[in-house]
């Protein structure tokens, strides 16, 4: 029996902005709201500046490939 390996992709349907948080949530197998809350807390936490967190989001949006229109079986 084959085990399906999760792939890190940015989904087209469940995204709010660029789909980074939704892609990470799908990859980790958790609800997307938890990833978004953690991202907001990281942005507000003093050692990590907001600009650094935004830059990391943009880099992740560029690095993580977008989900294709076909179904991978």
PDB file of N, CA and C in Angstrom:
ATOM      1  N   UNK A   1       0.838  -1.176   0.000  1.00  0.00           N
ATOM      2  CA  UNK A   1       0.000   0.000   0.000  1.00  0.00           C
ATOM      3  C   UNK A   1       0.884   1.240   0.000  1.00  0.00           C
ATOM      4  N   UNK A   2       0.593   2.140  -0.917  1.00  0.00           N
ATOM      5  CA  UNK A   2       1.392   3.352  -1.020  1.00  0.00           C
ATOM      6  C   UNK A   2       0.902   4.400  -0.027  1.00  0.00           C
ATOM      7  N   UNK A   3       1.853   5.059   0.585  1.00  0.00           N
ATOM      8  CA  UNK A   3       1.529   6.158   1.477  1.00  0.00           C
ATOM      9  C   UNK A   3       1.675   7.460   0.698  1.00  0.00           C
ATOM     10  N   UNK A   4       0.643   8.296   0.730  1.00  0.00           N
ATOM     11  CA  UNK A   4       0.696   9.560  -0.006  1.00  0.00           C
ATOM     12  C   UNK A   4       1.598  10.544   0.727  1.00  0.00           C
ATOM     13  N   UNK A   5       2.574  11.052   0.020  1.00  0.00           N
ATOM     14  CA  UNK A   5       3.520  12.006   0.588  1.00  0.00           C
ATOM     15  C   UNK A   5       2.978  13.415   0.360  1.00  0.00           C
ATOM     16  N   UNK A   6       2.902  14.179   1.435  1.00  0.00           N
ATOM     17  CA  UNK A   6       2.403  15.557   1.327  1.00  0.00           C
ATOM     18  C   UNK A   6       3.442  16.423   0.628  1.00  0.00           C
ATOM     19  N   UNK A   7       2.955  17.259  -0.278  1.00  0.00           N
ATOM     20  CA  UNK A   7       3.840  18.171  -1.000  1.00  0.00           C
ATOM     21  C   UNK A   7       3.520  19.589  -0.585  1.00  0.00           C
ATOM     22  N   UNK A   8       4.552  20.386  -0.481  1.00  0.00           N
ATOM     23  CA  UNK A   8       4.378  21.783  -0.101  1.00  0.00           C
ATOM     24  C   UNK A   8       4.027  22.582  -1.343  1.00  0.00           C
ATOM     25  N   UNK A   9       2.776  23.005  -1.434  1.00  0.00           N
ATOM     26  CA  UNK A   9       2.264  23.779  -2.561  1.00  0.00           C
ATOM     27  C   UNK A   9       1.354  24.878  -2.035  1.00  0.00           C
ATOM     28  N   UNK A  10       1.276  25.980  -2.773  1.00  0.00           N
ATOM     29  CA  UNK A  10       0.346  27.061  -2.435  1.00  0.00           C
ATOM     30  C   UNK A  10      -0.979  26.800  -3.145  1.00  0.00           C
ATOM     31  N   UNK A  11      -2.063  26.548  -2.396  1.00  0.00           N
ATOM     32  CA  UNK A  11      -3.341  26.240  -3.042  1.00  0.00           C
ATOM     33  C   UNK A  11      -3.974  27.476  -3.676  1.00  0.00           C
ATOM     34  N   UNK A  12      -4.831  27.235  -4.671  1.00  0.00           N
ATOM     35  CA  UNK A  12      -5.516  28.333  -5.340  1.00  0.00           C
ATOM     36  C   UNK A  12      -6.851  28.667  -4.675  1.00  0.00           C
ATOM     37  N   UNK A  13      -7.490  27.681  -4.034  1.00  0.00           N
ATOM     38  CA  UNK A  13      -8.831  27.879  -3.510  1.00  0.00           C
ATOM     39  C   UNK A  13      -8.869  28.513  -2.117  1.00  0.00           C
ATOM     40  N   UNK A  14      -8.063  28.037  -1.193  1.00  0.00           N
ATOM     41  CA  UNK A  14      -8.186  28.440   0.217  1.00  0.00           C
ATOM     42  C   UNK A  14      -7.254  29.581   0.615  1.00  0.00           C
ATOM     43  N   UNK A  15      -6.696  30.269  -0.335  1.00  0.00           N
ATOM     44  CA  UNK A  15      -5.751  31.335  -0.007  1.00  0.00           C
ATOM     45  C   UNK A  15      -6.469  32.624   0.349  1.00  0.00           C
ATOM     46  N   UNK A  16      -5.832  33.430   1.170  1.00  0.00           N
ATOM     47  CA  UNK A  16      -6.322  34.766   1.492  1.00  0.00           C
ATOM     48  C   UNK A  16      -5.502  35.819   0.761  1.00  0.00           C
ATOM     49  N   UNK A  17      -4.190  35.654   0.756  1.00  0.00           N
ATOM     50  CA  UNK A  17      -3.321  36.613   0.078  1.00  0.00           C
ATOM     51  C   UNK A  17      -2.538  35.886  -1.029  1.00  0.00           C
ATOM     52  N   UNK A  18      -1.470  35.232  -0.666  1.00  0.00           N
ATOM     53  CA  UNK A  18      -0.672  34.490  -1.647  1.00  0.00           C
ATOM     54  C   UNK A  18      -0.699  32.979  -1.413  1.00  0.00           C
ATOM     55  N   UNK A  19      -1.311  32.532  -0.331  1.00  0.00           N
ATOM     56  CA  UNK A  19      -1.468  31.106  -0.078  1.00  0.00           C
ATOM     57  C   UNK A  19      -0.347  30.455   0.692  1.00  0.00           C
ATOM     58  N   UNK A  20       0.547  31.235   1.276  1.00  0.00           N
ATOM     59  CA  UNK A  20       1.677  30.653   2.005  1.00  0.00           C
ATOM     60  C   UNK A  20       1.193  29.933   3.263  1.00  0.00           C
ATOM     61  N   UNK A  21       0.367  30.581   4.050  1.00  0.00           N
ATOM     62  CA  UNK A  21      -0.123  29.959   5.289  1.00  0.00           C
ATOM     63  C   UNK A  21      -0.990  28.746   4.997  1.00  0.00           C
ATOM     64  N   UNK A  22      -1.829  28.823   3.973  1.00  0.00           N
ATOM     65  CA  UNK A  22      -2.675  27.689   3.603  1.00  0.00           C
ATOM     66  C   UNK A  22      -1.822  26.519   3.117  1.00  0.00           C
ATOM     67  N   UNK A  23      -0.774  26.796   2.368  1.00  0.00           N
ATOM     68  CA  UNK A  23       0.116  25.740   1.900  1.00  0.00           C
ATOM     69  C   UNK A  23       0.868  25.076   3.042  1.00  0.00           C
ATOM     70  N   UNK A  24       1.347  25.876   3.982  1.00  0.00           N
ATOM     71  CA  UNK A  24       2.038  25.317   5.145  1.00  0.00           C
ATOM     72  C   UNK A  24       1.090  24.484   5.995  1.00  0.00           C
ATOM     73  N   UNK A  25      -0.154  24.950   6.161  1.00  0.00           N
ATOM     74  CA  UNK A  25      -1.142  24.207   6.946  1.00  0.00           C
ATOM     75  C   UNK A  25      -1.476  22.873   6.287  1.00  0.00           C
ATOM     76  N   UNK A  26      -1.649  22.877   4.973  1.00  0.00           N
ATOM     77  CA  UNK A  26      -1.921  21.625   4.265  1.00  0.00           C
ATOM     78  C   UNK A  26      -0.750  20.658   4.385  1.00  0.00           C
ATOM     79  N   UNK A  27       0.459  21.176   4.289  1.00  0.00           N
ATOM     80  CA  UNK A  27       1.654  20.342   4.379  1.00  0.00           C
ATOM     81  C   UNK A  27       1.813  19.733   5.775  1.00  0.00           C
ATOM     82  N   UNK A  28       1.532  20.534   6.802  1.00  0.00           N
ATOM     83  CA  UNK A  28       1.682  20.069   8.174  1.00  0.00           C
ATOM     84  C   UNK A  28       0.477  19.284   8.673  1.00  0.00           C
ATOM     85  N   UNK A  29      -0.643  19.367   7.967  1.00  0.00           N
ATOM     86  CA  UNK A  29      -1.846  18.635   8.358  1.00  0.00           C
ATOM     87  C   UNK A  29      -2.601  19.265   9.510  1.00  0.00           C
ATOM     88  N   UNK A  30      -2.526  20.583   9.631  1.00  0.00           N
ATOM     89  CA  UNK A  30      -3.247  21.292  10.685  1.00  0.00           C
ATOM     90  C   UNK A  30      -4.177  22.327  10.056  1.00  0.00           C
ATOM     91  N   UNK A  31      -5.038  22.900  10.878  1.00  0.00           N
ATOM     92  CA  UNK A  31      -5.970  23.911  10.393  1.00  0.00           C
ATOM     93  C   UNK A  31      -5.211  25.194  10.057  1.00  0.00           C
ATOM     94  N   UNK A  32      -5.643  25.862   9.005  1.00  0.00           N
ATOM     95  CA  UNK A  32      -4.941  27.051   8.514  1.00  0.00           C
ATOM     96  C   UNK A  32      -5.022  28.210   9.511  1.00  0.00           C
ATOM     97  N   UNK A  33      -6.053  28.252  10.330  1.00  0.00           N
ATOM     98  CA  UNK A  33      -6.200  29.357  11.283  1.00  0.00           C
ATOM     99  C   UNK A  33      -5.057  29.355  12.301  1.00  0.00           C
ATOM    100  N   UNK A  34      -4.554  28.170  12.652  1.00  0.00           N
ATOM    101  CA  UNK A  34      -3.437  28.086  13.600  1.00  0.00           C
ATOM    102  C   UNK A  34      -2.152  28.657  12.983  1.00  0.00           C
ATOM    103  N   UNK A  35      -1.920  28.352  11.730  1.00  0.00           N
ATOM    104  CA  UNK A  35      -0.726  28.874  11.049  1.00  0.00           C
ATOM    105  C   UNK A  35      -0.819  30.391  10.927  1.00  0.00           C
ATOM    106  N   UNK A  36      -2.007  30.901  10.597  1.00  0.00           N
ATOM    107  CA  UNK A  36      -2.180  32.354  10.477  1.00  0.00           C
ATOM    108  C   UNK A  36      -2.005  33.046  11.821  1.00  0.00           C
ATOM    109  N   UNK A  37      -2.519  32.444  12.901  1.00  0.00           N
ATOM    110  CA  UNK A  37      -2.347  33.053  14.235  1.00  0.00           C
ATOM    111  C   UNK A  37      -0.878  33.065  14.638  1.00  0.00           C
ATOM    112  N   UNK A  38      -0.153  31.987  14.358  1.00  0.00           N
ATOM    113  CA  UNK A  38       1.279  31.933  14.681  1.00  0.00           C
ATOM    114  C   UNK A  38       2.031  32.986  13.879  1.00  0.00           C
ATOM    115  N   UNK A  39       1.654  33.158  12.605  1.00  0.00           N
ATOM    116  CA  UNK A  39       2.323  34.152  11.760  1.00  0.00           C
ATOM    117  C   UNK A  39       2.118  35.566  12.307  1.00  0.00           C
ATOM    118  N   UNK A  40       0.900  35.877  12.750  1.00  0.00           N
ATOM    119  CA  UNK A  40       0.615  37.198  13.321  1.00  0.00           C
ATOM    120  C   UNK A  40       1.402  37.394  14.608  1.00  0.00           C
ATOM    121  N   UNK A  41       1.463  36.363  15.448  1.00  0.00           N
ATOM    122  CA  UNK A  41       2.229  36.475  16.693  1.00  0.00           C
ATOM    123  C   UNK A  41       3.717  36.674  16.415  1.00  0.00           C
ATOM    124  N   UNK A  42       4.239  36.006  15.401  1.00  0.00           N
ATOM    125  CA  UNK A  42       5.649  36.184  15.035  1.00  0.00           C
ATOM    126  C   UNK A  42       5.886  37.618  14.558  1.00  0.00           C
ATOM    127  N   UNK A  43       4.929  38.162  13.809  1.00  0.00           N
ATOM    128  CA  UNK A  43       5.072  39.544  13.328  1.00  0.00           C
ATOM    129  C   UNK A  43       5.062  40.546  14.478  1.00  0.00           C
ATOM    130  N   UNK A  44       4.302  40.251  15.509  1.00  0.00           N
ATOM    131  CA  UNK A  44       4.174  41.182  16.629  1.00  0.00           C
ATOM    132  C   UNK A  44       5.231  40.973  17.710  1.00  0.00           C
ATOM    133  N   UNK A  45       5.926  39.844  17.697  1.00  0.00           N
ATOM    134  CA  UNK A  45       6.924  39.543  18.715  1.00  0.00           C
ATOM    135  C   UNK A  45       8.149  40.434  18.502  1.00  0.00           C
ATOM    136  N   UNK A  46       8.596  41.144  19.526  1.00  0.00           N
ATOM    137  CA  UNK A  46       9.659  42.157  19.367  1.00  0.00           C
ATOM    138  C   UNK A  46      10.980  41.709  18.739  1.00  0.00           C
ATOM    139  N   UNK A  47      11.532  40.529  19.020  1.00  0.00           N
ATOM    140  CA  UNK A  47      12.816  40.202  18.377  1.00  0.00           C
ATOM    141  C   UNK A  47      12.735  40.068  16.855  1.00  0.00           C
ATOM    142  N   UNK A  48      11.561  39.734  16.344  1.00  0.00           N
ATOM    143  CA  UNK A  48      11.381  39.616  14.896  1.00  0.00           C
ATOM    144  C   UNK A  48      10.619  40.851  14.437  1.00  0.00           C
ATOM    145  N   UNK A  49      11.232  41.639  13.606  1.00  0.00           N
ATOM    146  CA  UNK A  49      10.547  42.841  13.154  1.00  0.00           C
ATOM    147  C   UNK A  49       9.457  42.483  12.158  1.00  0.00           C
ATOM    148  N   UNK A  50       8.493  43.352  12.033  1.00  0.00           N
ATOM    149  CA  UNK A  50       7.394  43.144  11.103  1.00  0.00           C
ATOM    150  C   UNK A  50       7.897  43.110   9.670  1.00  0.00           C
ATOM    151  N   UNK A  51       8.871  43.952   9.348  1.00  0.00           N
ATOM    152  CA  UNK A  51       9.421  43.960   7.995  1.00  0.00           C
ATOM    153  C   UNK A  51      10.127  42.652   7.659  1.00  0.00           C
ATOM    154  N   UNK A  52      10.793  42.058   8.635  1.00  0.00           N
ATOM    155  CA  UNK A  52      11.450  40.774   8.414  1.00  0.00           C
ATOM    156  C   UNK A  52      10.418  39.681   8.158  1.00  0.00           C
ATOM    157  N   UNK A  53       9.331  39.688   8.919  1.00  0.00           N
ATOM    158  CA  UNK A  53       8.281  38.690   8.737  1.00  0.00           C
ATOM    159  C   UNK A  53       7.596  38.858   7.381  1.00  0.00           C
ATOM    160  N   UNK A  54       7.364  40.086   6.952  1.00  0.00           N
ATOM    161  CA  UNK A  54       6.754  40.335   5.646  1.00  0.00           C
ATOM    162  C   UNK A  54       7.702  39.907   4.529  1.00  0.00           C
ATOM    163  N   UNK A  55       8.990  40.185   4.700  1.00  0.00           N
ATOM    164  CA  UNK A  55       9.979  39.772   3.700  1.00  0.00           C
ATOM    165  C   UNK A  55      10.048  38.246   3.618  1.00  0.00           C
ATOM    166  N   UNK A  56       9.970  37.571   4.759  1.00  0.00           N
ATOM    167  CA  UNK A  56       9.983  36.105   4.756  1.00  0.00           C
ATOM    168  C   UNK A  56       8.748  35.552   4.053  1.00  0.00           C
ATOM    169  N   UNK A  57       7.592  36.190   4.254  1.00  0.00           N
ATOM    170  CA  UNK A  57       6.355  35.770   3.590  1.00  0.00           C
ATOM    171  C   UNK A  57       6.495  35.904   2.074  1.00  0.00           C
ATOM    172  N   UNK A  58       7.066  36.997   1.629  1.00  0.00           N
ATOM    173  CA  UNK A  58       7.240  37.218   0.188  1.00  0.00           C
ATOM    174  C   UNK A  58       8.223  36.211  -0.399  1.00  0.00           C
ATOM    175  N   UNK A  59       9.296  35.926   0.324  1.00  0.00           N
ATOM    176  CA  UNK A  59      10.271  34.936  -0.145  1.00  0.00           C
ATOM    177  C   UNK A  59       9.619  33.555  -0.223  1.00  0.00           C
ATOM    178  N   UNK A  60       8.838  33.190   0.796  1.00  0.00           N
ATOM    179  CA  UNK A  60       8.154  31.903   0.768  1.00  0.00           C
ATOM    180  C   UNK A  60       7.146  31.826  -0.378  1.00  0.00           C
ATOM    181  N   UNK A  61       6.470  32.935  -0.661  1.00  0.00           N
ATOM    182  CA  UNK A  61       5.521  32.957  -1.774  1.00  0.00           C
ATOM    183  C   UNK A  61       6.236  32.752  -3.100  1.00  0.00           C
ATOM    184  N   UNK A  62       7.460  33.206  -3.189  1.00  0.00           N
ATOM    185  CA  UNK A  62       8.249  33.034  -4.413  1.00  0.00           C
ATOM    186  C   UNK A  62       8.827  31.620  -4.514  1.00  0.00           C
ATOM    187  N   UNK A  63       9.232  31.052  -3.379  1.00  0.00           N
ATOM    188  CA  UNK A  63       9.916  29.757  -3.362  1.00  0.00           C
ATOM    189  C   UNK A  63       8.931  28.585  -3.446  1.00  0.00           C
ATOM    190  N   UNK A  64       7.817  28.655  -2.731  1.00  0.00           N
ATOM    191  CA  UNK A  64       6.846  27.554  -2.718  1.00  0.00           C
ATOM    192  C   UNK A  64       6.066  27.578  -4.028  1.00  0.00           C
ATOM    193  N   UNK A  65       6.078  26.485  -4.766  1.00  0.00           N
ATOM    194  CA  UNK A  65       5.373  26.479  -6.051  1.00  0.00           C
ATOM    195  C   UNK A  65       3.858  26.488  -5.869  1.00  0.00           C
ATOM    196  N   UNK A  66       3.178  27.028  -6.858  1.00  0.00           N
ATOM    197  CA  UNK A  66       1.722  27.084  -6.823  1.00  0.00           C
ATOM    198  C   UNK A  66       1.145  25.741  -7.239  1.00  0.00           C
ATOM    199  N   UNK A  67       0.017  25.406  -6.656  1.00  0.00           N
ATOM    200  CA  UNK A  67      -0.651  24.148  -6.958  1.00  0.00           C
ATOM    201  C   UNK A  67      -1.146  24.130  -8.398  1.00  0.00           C
ATOM    202  N   UNK A  68      -0.980  23.019  -9.055  1.00  0.00           N
ATOM    203  CA  UNK A  68      -1.423  22.873 -10.439  1.00  0.00           C
ATOM    204  C   UNK A  68      -2.922  22.593 -10.477  1.00  0.00           C
ATOM    205  N   UNK A  69      -3.492  22.638 -11.680  1.00  0.00           N
ATOM    206  CA  UNK A  69      -4.921  22.400 -11.851  1.00  0.00           C
ATOM    207  C   UNK A  69      -5.275  20.915 -11.875  1.00  0.00           C
ATOM    208  N   UNK A  70      -4.279  20.040 -11.994  1.00  0.00           N
ATOM    209  CA  UNK A  70      -4.576  18.618 -12.067  1.00  0.00           C
ATOM    210  C   UNK A  70      -4.533  17.988 -10.693  1.00  0.00           C
ATOM    211  N   UNK A  71      -5.087  16.786 -10.593  1.00  0.00           N
ATOM    212  CA  UNK A  71      -5.104  16.041  -9.339  1.00  0.00           C
ATOM    213  C   UNK A  71      -3.981  15.028  -9.367  1.00  0.00           C
ATOM    214  N   UNK A  72      -3.129  15.046  -8.348  1.00  0.00           N
ATOM    215  CA  UNK A  72      -1.997  14.127  -8.253  1.00  0.00           C
ATOM    216  C   UNK A  72      -2.457  12.864  -7.536  1.00  0.00           C
ATOM    217  N   UNK A  73      -2.372  11.721  -8.202  1.00  0.00           N
ATOM    218  CA  UNK A  73      -2.783  10.451  -7.603  1.00  0.00           C
ATOM    219  C   UNK A  73      -1.629   9.549  -7.329  1.00  0.00           C
TER     220      UNK A  73
END
